[in-house]
N, C-alpha and C. Protein backbone atom coordinates (compact mmCIF):
# COMPACT_ATOMS: atom_id res chain seq x y z
N MET A 1 -54.99 28.02 31.03
CA MET A 1 -53.80 27.17 30.84
C MET A 1 -53.73 26.57 29.44
N PRO A 2 -54.87 26.02 28.92
CA PRO A 2 -54.84 25.50 27.56
C PRO A 2 -54.43 26.55 26.55
N ARG A 3 -54.85 27.83 26.77
CA ARG A 3 -54.47 28.89 25.83
C ARG A 3 -52.97 29.11 25.83
N VAL A 4 -52.36 29.01 27.00
CA VAL A 4 -50.90 29.18 27.10
C VAL A 4 -50.19 28.08 26.34
N LEU A 5 -50.65 26.85 26.53
CA LEU A 5 -50.04 25.72 25.83
C LEU A 5 -50.22 25.85 24.33
N ALA A 6 -51.38 26.32 23.92
CA ALA A 6 -51.62 26.51 22.49
C ALA A 6 -50.70 27.56 21.91
N ALA A 7 -50.48 28.65 22.68
CA ALA A 7 -49.60 29.71 22.22
C ALA A 7 -48.18 29.20 22.08
N ILE A 8 -47.75 28.36 23.05
CA ILE A 8 -46.41 27.79 22.98
C ILE A 8 -46.27 26.90 21.75
N ALA A 9 -47.30 26.10 21.49
CA ALA A 9 -47.28 25.21 20.34
C ALA A 9 -47.18 25.99 19.04
N ILE A 10 -47.94 27.10 18.96
CA ILE A 10 -47.91 27.94 17.76
C ILE A 10 -46.53 28.56 17.59
N ALA A 11 -45.96 29.06 18.68
CA ALA A 11 -44.64 29.69 18.61
C ALA A 11 -43.59 28.69 18.16
N THR A 12 -43.69 27.45 18.67
CA THR A 12 -42.74 26.41 18.28
C THR A 12 -42.85 26.10 16.80
N THR A 13 -44.09 26.04 16.31
CA THR A 13 -44.31 25.74 14.90
C THR A 13 -43.74 26.84 14.02
N VAL A 14 -43.95 28.08 14.41
CA VAL A 14 -43.49 29.21 13.61
C VAL A 14 -41.96 29.27 13.56
N SER A 15 -41.30 28.96 14.67
CA SER A 15 -39.85 29.10 14.73
C SER A 15 -39.11 27.94 14.07
N ALA A 16 -39.79 26.82 13.85
CA ALA A 16 -39.13 25.67 13.25
C ALA A 16 -38.89 25.92 11.77
N PRO A 17 -37.79 25.38 11.18
CA PRO A 17 -37.52 25.55 9.76
C PRO A 17 -38.64 24.95 8.93
N ALA A 18 -39.13 25.70 7.95
CA ALA A 18 -40.25 25.24 7.13
C ALA A 18 -39.76 24.62 5.84
N PHE A 19 -39.12 23.46 5.94
CA PHE A 19 -38.62 22.80 4.76
C PHE A 19 -39.56 21.69 4.33
N ALA A 20 -39.91 21.68 3.04
CA ALA A 20 -40.71 20.58 2.52
C ALA A 20 -39.75 19.48 2.10
N SER A 21 -40.16 18.24 2.28
CA SER A 21 -39.32 17.13 1.86
C SER A 21 -39.16 17.16 0.35
N PRO A 22 -37.98 16.80 -0.15
CA PRO A 22 -37.80 16.79 -1.60
C PRO A 22 -38.68 15.72 -2.23
N THR A 23 -39.41 16.10 -3.27
CA THR A 23 -40.35 15.18 -3.92
C THR A 23 -40.12 15.20 -5.42
N LEU A 24 -39.94 14.04 -6.01
CA LEU A 24 -39.72 13.95 -7.44
C LEU A 24 -40.87 14.59 -8.21
N GLY A 25 -40.53 15.34 -9.23
CA GLY A 25 -41.54 15.98 -10.06
C GLY A 25 -42.09 17.28 -9.49
N GLN A 26 -41.68 17.61 -8.28
CA GLN A 26 -42.12 18.84 -7.61
C GLN A 26 -40.97 19.84 -7.55
N PRO A 27 -41.25 21.13 -7.31
CA PRO A 27 -40.17 22.11 -7.21
C PRO A 27 -39.12 21.68 -6.18
N ALA A 28 -37.87 21.76 -6.57
CA ALA A 28 -36.78 21.40 -5.67
C ALA A 28 -36.70 22.43 -4.55
N PRO A 29 -36.31 22.03 -3.35
CA PRO A 29 -36.20 22.98 -2.24
C PRO A 29 -35.30 24.17 -2.59
N ALA A 30 -35.83 25.37 -2.40
CA ALA A 30 -35.04 26.57 -2.67
C ALA A 30 -33.98 26.71 -1.59
N PHE A 31 -32.86 27.34 -1.95
CA PHE A 31 -31.81 27.55 -0.95
C PHE A 31 -30.92 28.71 -1.33
N GLN A 32 -30.20 29.20 -0.35
CA GLN A 32 -29.10 30.13 -0.54
C GLN A 32 -27.92 29.59 0.24
N ALA A 33 -26.74 29.67 -0.32
CA ALA A 33 -25.55 29.18 0.36
C ALA A 33 -24.35 30.00 -0.11
N VAL A 34 -23.38 30.13 0.78
CA VAL A 34 -22.14 30.85 0.44
C VAL A 34 -21.18 29.86 -0.21
N ASP A 35 -20.55 30.29 -1.30
CA ASP A 35 -19.61 29.39 -1.96
C ASP A 35 -18.19 29.59 -1.43
N ALA A 36 -17.25 28.86 -1.99
CA ALA A 36 -15.87 28.89 -1.50
C ALA A 36 -15.20 30.25 -1.68
N ALA A 37 -15.78 31.09 -2.54
CA ALA A 37 -15.24 32.43 -2.76
C ALA A 37 -16.05 33.48 -1.99
N ARG A 38 -16.91 33.03 -1.07
CA ARG A 38 -17.72 33.89 -0.21
C ARG A 38 -18.83 34.62 -0.94
N ARG A 39 -19.22 34.10 -2.07
CA ARG A 39 -20.36 34.66 -2.79
C ARG A 39 -21.62 33.91 -2.38
N THR A 40 -22.74 34.62 -2.31
CA THR A 40 -24.01 33.98 -1.99
C THR A 40 -24.63 33.47 -3.28
N ARG A 41 -24.88 32.18 -3.32
CA ARG A 41 -25.49 31.57 -4.49
C ARG A 41 -26.86 31.03 -4.10
N SER A 42 -27.74 30.93 -5.08
CA SER A 42 -29.07 30.41 -4.82
C SER A 42 -29.50 29.51 -5.96
N LEU A 43 -30.40 28.60 -5.68
CA LEU A 43 -30.91 27.72 -6.74
C LEU A 43 -31.65 28.54 -7.79
N SER A 44 -32.35 29.58 -7.37
CA SER A 44 -33.17 30.36 -8.30
C SER A 44 -32.36 31.04 -9.39
N GLU A 45 -31.09 31.32 -9.13
CA GLU A 45 -30.29 32.01 -10.15
C GLU A 45 -29.98 31.11 -11.34
N PHE A 46 -30.23 29.81 -11.19
CA PHE A 46 -29.95 28.87 -12.28
C PHE A 46 -31.23 28.39 -12.96
N ARG A 47 -32.31 29.11 -12.72
CA ARG A 47 -33.58 28.76 -13.35
C ARG A 47 -33.40 28.70 -14.86
N GLY A 48 -33.93 27.69 -15.49
CA GLY A 48 -33.78 27.53 -16.93
C GLY A 48 -32.61 26.63 -17.30
N LYS A 49 -31.87 26.18 -16.30
CA LYS A 49 -30.75 25.26 -16.54
C LYS A 49 -30.92 24.01 -15.69
N THR A 50 -30.39 22.92 -16.18
CA THR A 50 -30.36 21.70 -15.37
C THR A 50 -29.26 21.87 -14.33
N VAL A 51 -29.56 21.50 -13.09
CA VAL A 51 -28.61 21.66 -12.00
C VAL A 51 -28.38 20.32 -11.30
N VAL A 52 -27.12 20.00 -11.08
CA VAL A 52 -26.75 18.81 -10.31
C VAL A 52 -26.24 19.27 -8.95
N LEU A 53 -26.73 18.68 -7.88
CA LEU A 53 -26.25 18.93 -6.54
C LEU A 53 -25.55 17.66 -6.06
N GLU A 54 -24.27 17.77 -5.77
CA GLU A 54 -23.46 16.62 -5.36
C GLU A 54 -22.94 16.84 -3.95
N TRP A 55 -23.39 16.03 -3.02
CA TRP A 55 -22.86 16.16 -1.65
C TRP A 55 -21.53 15.43 -1.55
N THR A 56 -20.56 16.09 -0.92
CA THR A 56 -19.22 15.49 -0.87
C THR A 56 -18.59 15.64 0.51
N ASN A 57 -17.54 14.87 0.72
CA ASN A 57 -16.75 14.85 1.96
C ASN A 57 -15.39 14.31 1.55
N ASN A 58 -14.38 15.16 1.51
CA ASN A 58 -13.08 14.73 0.97
C ASN A 58 -12.39 13.65 1.80
N GLY A 59 -12.88 13.40 3.03
CA GLY A 59 -12.29 12.35 3.85
C GLY A 59 -12.99 11.01 3.71
N CYS A 60 -14.06 10.97 2.93
CA CYS A 60 -14.85 9.75 2.78
C CYS A 60 -14.25 8.85 1.70
N PRO A 61 -13.99 7.58 2.00
CA PRO A 61 -13.40 6.69 1.00
C PRO A 61 -14.28 6.46 -0.22
N TYR A 62 -15.59 6.59 -0.07
CA TYR A 62 -16.48 6.43 -1.22
C TYR A 62 -16.35 7.62 -2.16
N VAL A 63 -16.22 8.80 -1.59
CA VAL A 63 -15.97 10.00 -2.40
C VAL A 63 -14.60 9.89 -3.06
N GLN A 64 -13.62 9.45 -2.30
CA GLN A 64 -12.26 9.31 -2.84
C GLN A 64 -12.22 8.34 -4.01
N LYS A 65 -13.04 7.30 -3.94
CA LYS A 65 -13.10 6.34 -5.06
C LYS A 65 -13.43 7.06 -6.36
N HIS A 66 -14.43 7.93 -6.29
CA HIS A 66 -14.88 8.60 -7.52
C HIS A 66 -13.96 9.72 -7.96
N TYR A 67 -13.31 10.39 -7.01
CA TYR A 67 -12.40 11.48 -7.38
C TYR A 67 -11.00 10.97 -7.73
N ASN A 68 -10.48 10.01 -6.99
CA ASN A 68 -9.14 9.51 -7.29
C ASN A 68 -9.08 8.78 -8.62
N SER A 69 -10.20 8.23 -9.03
CA SER A 69 -10.27 7.52 -10.31
C SER A 69 -10.56 8.47 -11.47
N GLY A 70 -11.00 9.69 -11.15
CA GLY A 70 -11.38 10.65 -12.19
C GLY A 70 -12.81 10.49 -12.65
N ASN A 71 -13.54 9.55 -12.05
CA ASN A 71 -14.91 9.30 -12.46
C ASN A 71 -15.82 10.51 -12.24
N MET A 72 -15.71 11.13 -11.06
CA MET A 72 -16.56 12.28 -10.76
C MET A 72 -16.23 13.47 -11.66
N GLN A 73 -14.94 13.70 -11.86
CA GLN A 73 -14.53 14.82 -12.71
C GLN A 73 -15.01 14.63 -14.15
N GLY A 74 -15.00 13.37 -14.62
CA GLY A 74 -15.48 13.09 -15.97
C GLY A 74 -16.95 13.41 -16.12
N LEU A 75 -17.73 13.05 -15.11
CA LEU A 75 -19.16 13.39 -15.13
C LEU A 75 -19.35 14.90 -15.12
N GLN A 76 -18.58 15.58 -14.29
CA GLN A 76 -18.69 17.03 -14.19
C GLN A 76 -18.33 17.72 -15.51
N ARG A 77 -17.29 17.25 -16.15
CA ARG A 77 -16.87 17.86 -17.42
C ARG A 77 -17.93 17.65 -18.50
N GLN A 78 -18.48 16.45 -18.58
CA GLN A 78 -19.50 16.18 -19.59
C GLN A 78 -20.74 17.02 -19.31
N ALA A 79 -21.09 17.14 -18.04
CA ALA A 79 -22.25 17.95 -17.68
C ALA A 79 -22.05 19.40 -18.11
N ALA A 80 -20.86 19.92 -17.85
CA ALA A 80 -20.55 21.31 -18.22
C ALA A 80 -20.67 21.50 -19.73
N LYS A 81 -20.20 20.53 -20.51
CA LYS A 81 -20.28 20.61 -21.97
C LYS A 81 -21.74 20.68 -22.43
N ASP A 82 -22.61 20.04 -21.67
CA ASP A 82 -24.03 20.01 -22.02
C ASP A 82 -24.81 21.17 -21.41
N GLY A 83 -24.09 22.11 -20.81
CA GLY A 83 -24.76 23.29 -20.25
C GLY A 83 -25.37 23.08 -18.88
N VAL A 84 -25.00 21.97 -18.23
CA VAL A 84 -25.52 21.67 -16.89
C VAL A 84 -24.68 22.38 -15.83
N VAL A 85 -25.32 22.91 -14.82
CA VAL A 85 -24.63 23.56 -13.70
C VAL A 85 -24.43 22.51 -12.61
N TRP A 86 -23.18 22.19 -12.32
CA TRP A 86 -22.87 21.17 -11.31
C TRP A 86 -22.37 21.88 -10.05
N LEU A 87 -23.09 21.70 -8.96
CA LEU A 87 -22.72 22.33 -7.70
C LEU A 87 -22.35 21.26 -6.68
N THR A 88 -21.14 21.34 -6.17
CA THR A 88 -20.68 20.43 -5.12
C THR A 88 -21.01 21.05 -3.77
N VAL A 89 -21.63 20.29 -2.89
CA VAL A 89 -22.09 20.81 -1.61
C VAL A 89 -21.36 20.11 -0.46
N ILE A 90 -20.82 20.89 0.46
CA ILE A 90 -20.16 20.35 1.65
C ILE A 90 -20.99 20.72 2.87
N SER A 91 -21.64 19.70 3.47
CA SER A 91 -22.49 19.95 4.63
C SER A 91 -21.85 19.48 5.94
N SER A 92 -20.57 19.14 5.90
CA SER A 92 -19.88 18.73 7.13
C SER A 92 -19.79 19.92 8.09
N ALA A 93 -20.09 19.68 9.35
CA ALA A 93 -20.03 20.73 10.37
C ALA A 93 -18.59 20.96 10.82
N PRO A 94 -18.29 22.14 11.36
CA PRO A 94 -16.94 22.40 11.87
C PRO A 94 -16.52 21.31 12.86
N GLY A 95 -15.29 20.82 12.71
CA GLY A 95 -14.79 19.78 13.58
C GLY A 95 -15.13 18.37 13.13
N MET A 96 -15.95 18.26 12.08
CA MET A 96 -16.34 16.95 11.57
C MET A 96 -15.57 16.61 10.30
N GLN A 97 -15.49 15.32 10.00
CA GLN A 97 -14.79 14.89 8.80
C GLN A 97 -15.37 15.58 7.56
N GLY A 98 -14.50 16.10 6.73
CA GLY A 98 -14.93 16.72 5.48
C GLY A 98 -15.18 18.21 5.55
N TYR A 99 -15.16 18.78 6.77
CA TYR A 99 -15.40 20.22 6.89
C TYR A 99 -14.24 20.98 6.24
N LEU A 100 -14.58 21.97 5.43
CA LEU A 100 -13.56 22.80 4.78
C LEU A 100 -13.98 24.26 4.84
N THR A 101 -13.02 25.12 5.06
CA THR A 101 -13.25 26.56 4.95
C THR A 101 -13.23 26.92 3.46
N GLY A 102 -13.55 28.15 3.15
CA GLY A 102 -13.52 28.58 1.76
C GLY A 102 -12.17 28.35 1.09
N PRO A 103 -11.07 28.84 1.67
CA PRO A 103 -9.75 28.63 1.07
C PRO A 103 -9.41 27.14 0.94
N GLN A 104 -9.78 26.35 1.95
CA GLN A 104 -9.50 24.92 1.89
C GLN A 104 -10.31 24.24 0.79
N ALA A 105 -11.54 24.68 0.61
CA ALA A 105 -12.38 24.11 -0.44
C ALA A 105 -11.83 24.45 -1.82
N ARG A 106 -11.34 25.67 -1.99
CA ARG A 106 -10.74 26.05 -3.27
C ARG A 106 -9.48 25.22 -3.54
N GLN A 107 -8.69 25.01 -2.48
CA GLN A 107 -7.47 24.22 -2.64
C GLN A 107 -7.80 22.77 -3.01
N TRP A 108 -8.78 22.21 -2.30
CA TRP A 108 -9.19 20.83 -2.60
C TRP A 108 -9.69 20.71 -4.04
N LYS A 109 -10.52 21.65 -4.46
CA LYS A 109 -11.07 21.61 -5.82
C LYS A 109 -9.95 21.63 -6.86
N GLY A 110 -8.92 22.45 -6.59
CA GLY A 110 -7.80 22.52 -7.51
C GLY A 110 -6.96 21.25 -7.51
N GLU A 111 -6.75 20.69 -6.33
CA GLU A 111 -5.92 19.49 -6.21
C GLU A 111 -6.54 18.29 -6.92
N VAL A 112 -7.85 18.13 -6.79
CA VAL A 112 -8.50 16.98 -7.43
C VAL A 112 -8.95 17.29 -8.85
N LYS A 113 -8.73 18.56 -9.28
CA LYS A 113 -9.13 18.99 -10.61
C LYS A 113 -10.63 18.79 -10.86
N ALA A 114 -11.41 19.12 -9.82
CA ALA A 114 -12.86 19.02 -9.96
C ALA A 114 -13.35 20.00 -11.02
N ALA A 115 -14.33 19.58 -11.79
CA ALA A 115 -14.86 20.41 -12.87
C ALA A 115 -16.26 20.92 -12.55
N SER A 116 -16.62 20.90 -11.28
CA SER A 116 -17.93 21.43 -10.90
C SER A 116 -17.93 22.95 -11.09
N ALA A 117 -19.11 23.53 -11.29
CA ALA A 117 -19.20 24.97 -11.50
C ALA A 117 -18.87 25.73 -10.23
N ASP A 118 -19.17 25.14 -9.07
CA ASP A 118 -18.93 25.83 -7.80
C ASP A 118 -18.98 24.84 -6.65
N VAL A 119 -18.39 25.27 -5.53
CA VAL A 119 -18.46 24.49 -4.29
C VAL A 119 -19.22 25.33 -3.27
N LEU A 120 -20.32 24.77 -2.76
CA LEU A 120 -21.13 25.48 -1.78
C LEU A 120 -20.83 24.97 -0.38
N LEU A 121 -20.67 25.90 0.55
CA LEU A 121 -20.35 25.55 1.93
C LEU A 121 -21.63 25.60 2.76
N ASP A 122 -21.93 24.50 3.42
CA ASP A 122 -23.18 24.37 4.17
C ASP A 122 -22.88 23.84 5.58
N PRO A 123 -22.02 24.54 6.35
CA PRO A 123 -21.58 24.01 7.64
C PRO A 123 -22.69 23.83 8.67
N LYS A 124 -23.79 24.55 8.53
CA LYS A 124 -24.92 24.38 9.45
C LYS A 124 -25.89 23.30 8.98
N GLY A 125 -25.63 22.76 7.79
CA GLY A 125 -26.47 21.68 7.27
C GLY A 125 -27.83 22.12 6.78
N THR A 126 -28.01 23.40 6.56
CA THR A 126 -29.32 23.91 6.14
C THR A 126 -29.76 23.34 4.80
N VAL A 127 -28.87 23.39 3.83
CA VAL A 127 -29.20 22.89 2.49
C VAL A 127 -29.31 21.36 2.52
N GLY A 128 -28.37 20.73 3.22
CA GLY A 128 -28.38 19.28 3.29
C GLY A 128 -29.66 18.73 3.90
N ARG A 129 -30.11 19.36 4.96
CA ARG A 129 -31.34 18.90 5.61
C ARG A 129 -32.57 19.19 4.75
N ALA A 130 -32.54 20.30 4.02
CA ALA A 130 -33.66 20.62 3.12
C ALA A 130 -33.83 19.53 2.07
N TYR A 131 -32.72 19.00 1.60
CA TYR A 131 -32.76 17.95 0.58
C TYR A 131 -32.74 16.54 1.18
N GLU A 132 -32.60 16.48 2.51
CA GLU A 132 -32.49 15.20 3.20
C GLU A 132 -31.33 14.38 2.65
N ALA A 133 -30.22 15.07 2.38
CA ALA A 133 -29.01 14.40 1.90
C ALA A 133 -28.49 13.50 3.01
N LYS A 134 -28.25 12.26 2.69
CA LYS A 134 -27.89 11.27 3.70
C LYS A 134 -26.45 10.79 3.61
N SER A 135 -25.87 10.85 2.44
CA SER A 135 -24.54 10.25 2.28
C SER A 135 -23.66 11.08 1.36
N THR A 136 -22.40 10.73 1.36
CA THR A 136 -21.46 11.32 0.41
C THR A 136 -20.81 10.18 -0.37
N PRO A 137 -21.03 10.19 -1.70
CA PRO A 137 -21.82 11.17 -2.45
C PRO A 137 -23.32 10.87 -2.42
N HIS A 138 -24.12 11.92 -2.52
CA HIS A 138 -25.57 11.82 -2.71
C HIS A 138 -25.89 12.85 -3.77
N ILE A 139 -26.58 12.43 -4.81
CA ILE A 139 -26.79 13.28 -5.99
C ILE A 139 -28.26 13.63 -6.18
N PHE A 140 -28.51 14.89 -6.48
CA PHE A 140 -29.86 15.36 -6.83
C PHE A 140 -29.75 16.13 -8.14
N ILE A 141 -30.72 15.94 -9.02
CA ILE A 141 -30.75 16.67 -10.29
C ILE A 141 -32.05 17.46 -10.37
N VAL A 142 -31.91 18.74 -10.67
CA VAL A 142 -33.05 19.64 -10.81
C VAL A 142 -33.17 20.01 -12.29
N ASP A 143 -34.35 19.86 -12.86
CA ASP A 143 -34.49 20.14 -14.29
C ASP A 143 -34.63 21.63 -14.56
N LYS A 144 -34.76 21.98 -15.82
CA LYS A 144 -34.79 23.39 -16.22
C LYS A 144 -35.99 24.15 -15.66
N ALA A 145 -37.03 23.42 -15.33
CA ALA A 145 -38.23 24.05 -14.76
C ALA A 145 -38.14 24.15 -13.24
N GLY A 146 -37.02 23.71 -12.69
CA GLY A 146 -36.85 23.79 -11.24
C GLY A 146 -37.43 22.62 -10.47
N ARG A 147 -37.80 21.56 -11.19
CA ARG A 147 -38.38 20.39 -10.54
C ARG A 147 -37.30 19.33 -10.28
N LEU A 148 -37.50 18.59 -9.21
CA LEU A 148 -36.55 17.53 -8.87
C LEU A 148 -36.75 16.35 -9.81
N ALA A 149 -35.71 16.03 -10.59
CA ALA A 149 -35.82 14.98 -11.61
C ALA A 149 -35.12 13.69 -11.22
N TYR A 150 -34.16 13.78 -10.32
CA TYR A 150 -33.43 12.57 -9.89
C TYR A 150 -32.90 12.78 -8.48
N MET A 151 -32.89 11.70 -7.69
CA MET A 151 -32.22 11.74 -6.40
C MET A 151 -31.77 10.33 -6.04
N GLY A 152 -30.52 10.25 -5.56
CA GLY A 152 -30.03 8.94 -5.18
C GLY A 152 -28.52 8.79 -5.32
N GLY A 153 -28.11 7.56 -5.61
CA GLY A 153 -26.69 7.24 -5.71
C GLY A 153 -26.12 7.60 -7.06
N ILE A 154 -24.81 7.57 -7.14
CA ILE A 154 -24.14 7.88 -8.40
C ILE A 154 -24.18 6.67 -9.32
N ASP A 155 -24.13 5.47 -8.73
CA ASP A 155 -24.16 4.25 -9.54
C ASP A 155 -24.69 3.09 -8.71
N ASP A 156 -24.58 1.89 -9.27
CA ASP A 156 -25.13 0.70 -8.61
C ASP A 156 -24.08 -0.14 -7.91
N ARG A 157 -22.92 0.46 -7.62
CA ARG A 157 -21.85 -0.29 -6.96
C ARG A 157 -21.50 0.37 -5.63
N PRO A 158 -22.18 -0.01 -4.55
CA PRO A 158 -22.00 0.64 -3.24
C PRO A 158 -20.75 0.18 -2.49
N TYR A 159 -19.61 0.32 -3.15
CA TYR A 159 -18.35 -0.11 -2.55
C TYR A 159 -17.33 1.01 -2.66
N SER A 160 -16.32 0.98 -1.79
CA SER A 160 -15.28 2.01 -1.82
C SER A 160 -14.10 1.62 -2.71
N ASP A 161 -14.05 0.39 -3.15
CA ASP A 161 -12.96 -0.10 -3.99
C ASP A 161 -13.11 0.47 -5.41
N PRO A 162 -12.09 1.16 -5.92
CA PRO A 162 -12.17 1.72 -7.29
C PRO A 162 -12.44 0.67 -8.35
N GLU A 163 -12.05 -0.57 -8.08
CA GLU A 163 -12.29 -1.65 -9.05
C GLU A 163 -13.78 -1.84 -9.30
N SER A 164 -14.60 -1.43 -8.33
CA SER A 164 -16.05 -1.60 -8.46
C SER A 164 -16.65 -0.71 -9.55
N LEU A 165 -15.87 0.25 -10.03
CA LEU A 165 -16.37 1.13 -11.08
C LEU A 165 -16.49 0.39 -12.42
N LYS A 166 -15.73 -0.68 -12.56
CA LYS A 166 -15.77 -1.44 -13.81
C LYS A 166 -17.13 -2.10 -13.99
N GLY A 167 -17.80 -1.76 -15.07
CA GLY A 167 -19.10 -2.34 -15.36
C GLY A 167 -20.26 -1.75 -14.58
N ALA A 168 -19.99 -0.67 -13.82
CA ALA A 168 -21.05 -0.06 -13.02
C ALA A 168 -22.06 0.66 -13.91
N THR A 169 -23.31 0.67 -13.50
CA THR A 169 -24.35 1.45 -14.17
C THR A 169 -24.38 2.82 -13.52
N ASN A 170 -24.04 3.86 -14.27
CA ASN A 170 -23.99 5.21 -13.73
C ASN A 170 -25.37 5.85 -13.85
N TYR A 171 -26.06 5.92 -12.72
CA TYR A 171 -27.41 6.46 -12.71
C TYR A 171 -27.45 7.94 -13.06
N VAL A 172 -26.43 8.69 -12.63
CA VAL A 172 -26.41 10.13 -12.87
C VAL A 172 -26.22 10.43 -14.35
N ALA A 173 -25.28 9.74 -14.99
CA ALA A 173 -25.06 9.93 -16.42
C ALA A 173 -26.33 9.57 -17.21
N ALA A 174 -26.98 8.48 -16.79
CA ALA A 174 -28.20 8.06 -17.49
C ALA A 174 -29.31 9.09 -17.31
N ALA A 175 -29.46 9.61 -16.11
CA ALA A 175 -30.51 10.60 -15.85
C ALA A 175 -30.26 11.88 -16.65
N LEU A 176 -29.01 12.32 -16.68
CA LEU A 176 -28.69 13.52 -17.45
C LEU A 176 -28.91 13.28 -18.94
N GLY A 177 -28.62 12.07 -19.40
CA GLY A 177 -28.87 11.73 -20.80
C GLY A 177 -30.35 11.78 -21.14
N ASP A 178 -31.17 11.28 -20.24
CA ASP A 178 -32.62 11.33 -20.46
C ASP A 178 -33.10 12.78 -20.51
N ILE A 179 -32.64 13.58 -19.59
CA ILE A 179 -33.06 14.99 -19.55
C ILE A 179 -32.62 15.72 -20.81
N LYS A 180 -31.39 15.48 -21.24
CA LYS A 180 -30.87 16.12 -22.46
C LYS A 180 -31.71 15.76 -23.68
N ALA A 181 -32.18 14.51 -23.71
CA ALA A 181 -32.97 14.03 -24.85
C ALA A 181 -34.44 14.41 -24.74
N GLY A 182 -34.81 15.05 -23.64
CA GLY A 182 -36.20 15.45 -23.47
C GLY A 182 -37.11 14.33 -23.00
N ARG A 183 -36.49 13.25 -22.50
CA ARG A 183 -37.28 12.13 -21.99
C ARG A 183 -37.45 12.23 -20.48
N ALA A 184 -38.46 11.52 -19.98
CA ALA A 184 -38.60 11.39 -18.53
C ALA A 184 -37.44 10.52 -18.04
N VAL A 185 -36.92 10.82 -16.88
CA VAL A 185 -35.81 10.04 -16.34
C VAL A 185 -36.32 8.63 -16.06
N ALA A 186 -35.67 7.64 -16.65
CA ALA A 186 -36.13 6.26 -16.54
C ALA A 186 -36.03 5.73 -15.12
N GLN A 187 -34.97 6.10 -14.42
CA GLN A 187 -34.79 5.64 -13.04
C GLN A 187 -34.55 6.87 -12.17
N PRO A 188 -35.62 7.54 -11.74
CA PRO A 188 -35.49 8.83 -11.05
C PRO A 188 -35.08 8.75 -9.59
N ALA A 189 -35.18 7.58 -8.97
CA ALA A 189 -34.81 7.45 -7.56
C ALA A 189 -34.05 6.16 -7.34
N THR A 190 -32.89 6.26 -6.74
CA THR A 190 -32.09 5.09 -6.41
C THR A 190 -31.57 5.24 -4.99
N LYS A 191 -31.00 4.18 -4.47
CA LYS A 191 -30.50 4.21 -3.09
C LYS A 191 -29.10 4.82 -3.05
N PRO A 192 -28.93 5.90 -2.28
CA PRO A 192 -27.59 6.50 -2.17
C PRO A 192 -26.71 5.62 -1.28
N TYR A 193 -25.41 5.72 -1.48
CA TYR A 193 -24.48 4.99 -0.62
C TYR A 193 -23.27 5.86 -0.34
N GLY A 194 -22.53 5.49 0.68
CA GLY A 194 -21.32 6.25 1.03
C GLY A 194 -21.24 6.49 2.51
N CYS A 195 -20.48 7.52 2.89
CA CYS A 195 -20.38 7.91 4.29
C CYS A 195 -21.58 8.77 4.65
N SER A 196 -21.99 8.72 5.89
CA SER A 196 -23.10 9.57 6.32
C SER A 196 -22.65 11.03 6.26
N VAL A 197 -23.57 11.94 5.93
CA VAL A 197 -23.25 13.35 5.94
C VAL A 197 -22.98 13.76 7.39
N LYS A 198 -21.88 14.45 7.61
CA LYS A 198 -21.45 14.77 8.98
C LYS A 198 -22.07 16.08 9.49
N TYR A 199 -23.39 16.00 9.71
CA TYR A 199 -24.10 17.16 10.20
C TYR A 199 -23.72 17.46 11.66
N GLY A 200 -23.83 18.75 12.02
CA GLY A 200 -23.69 19.13 13.41
C GLY A 200 -25.04 19.06 14.08
N SER A 201 -25.15 19.55 15.28
CA SER A 201 -26.43 19.57 15.97
C SER A 201 -27.36 20.56 15.29
N ALA A 202 -28.60 20.18 15.12
CA ALA A 202 -29.59 21.07 14.50
C ALA A 202 -29.85 22.24 15.44
N GLU A 203 -29.89 23.44 14.87
CA GLU A 203 -30.11 24.64 15.68
C GLU A 203 -31.59 24.97 15.71
């Protein structure tokens, strides 16, 4: 009987997703995801470049604050100028707030004039759970060596009111500035804020 239980335990361990928790200074969790144009993208294809992962939900008022004000697009444009690959990730499950199909994601990106390099669709939450993304927006930065250099909030104003952007300290801009200058990120981890990521049931 103990052998049977042991076998069951081993089988359970093998079948469970083998994701390591994201750790600053360590290799960022590898992933593959389909983008809004149905292409399969992976983190490994951007090796040698700084990569920003931005979790979003177009129905979230905190996300709307940054997009309706143009704040997020400004960050994305500056990042692109500096050779940074900015990937917007949608981990909302079907039927949940923020879920978008490929055509809907392309339409949304055009409507808000997002300047991200691509929109990744993660309806099963595989990528989101690998990174332990908790909110929208939640930002992660991967350096050119593939190591996690920053994770946390976009700034220090955890409010949905656009007026809160005035005088805010933008952690993402600061982290990207440090990386561009070849410095260690001064504030590599901050508290994310926003709406909870609308994951479906884990499979």
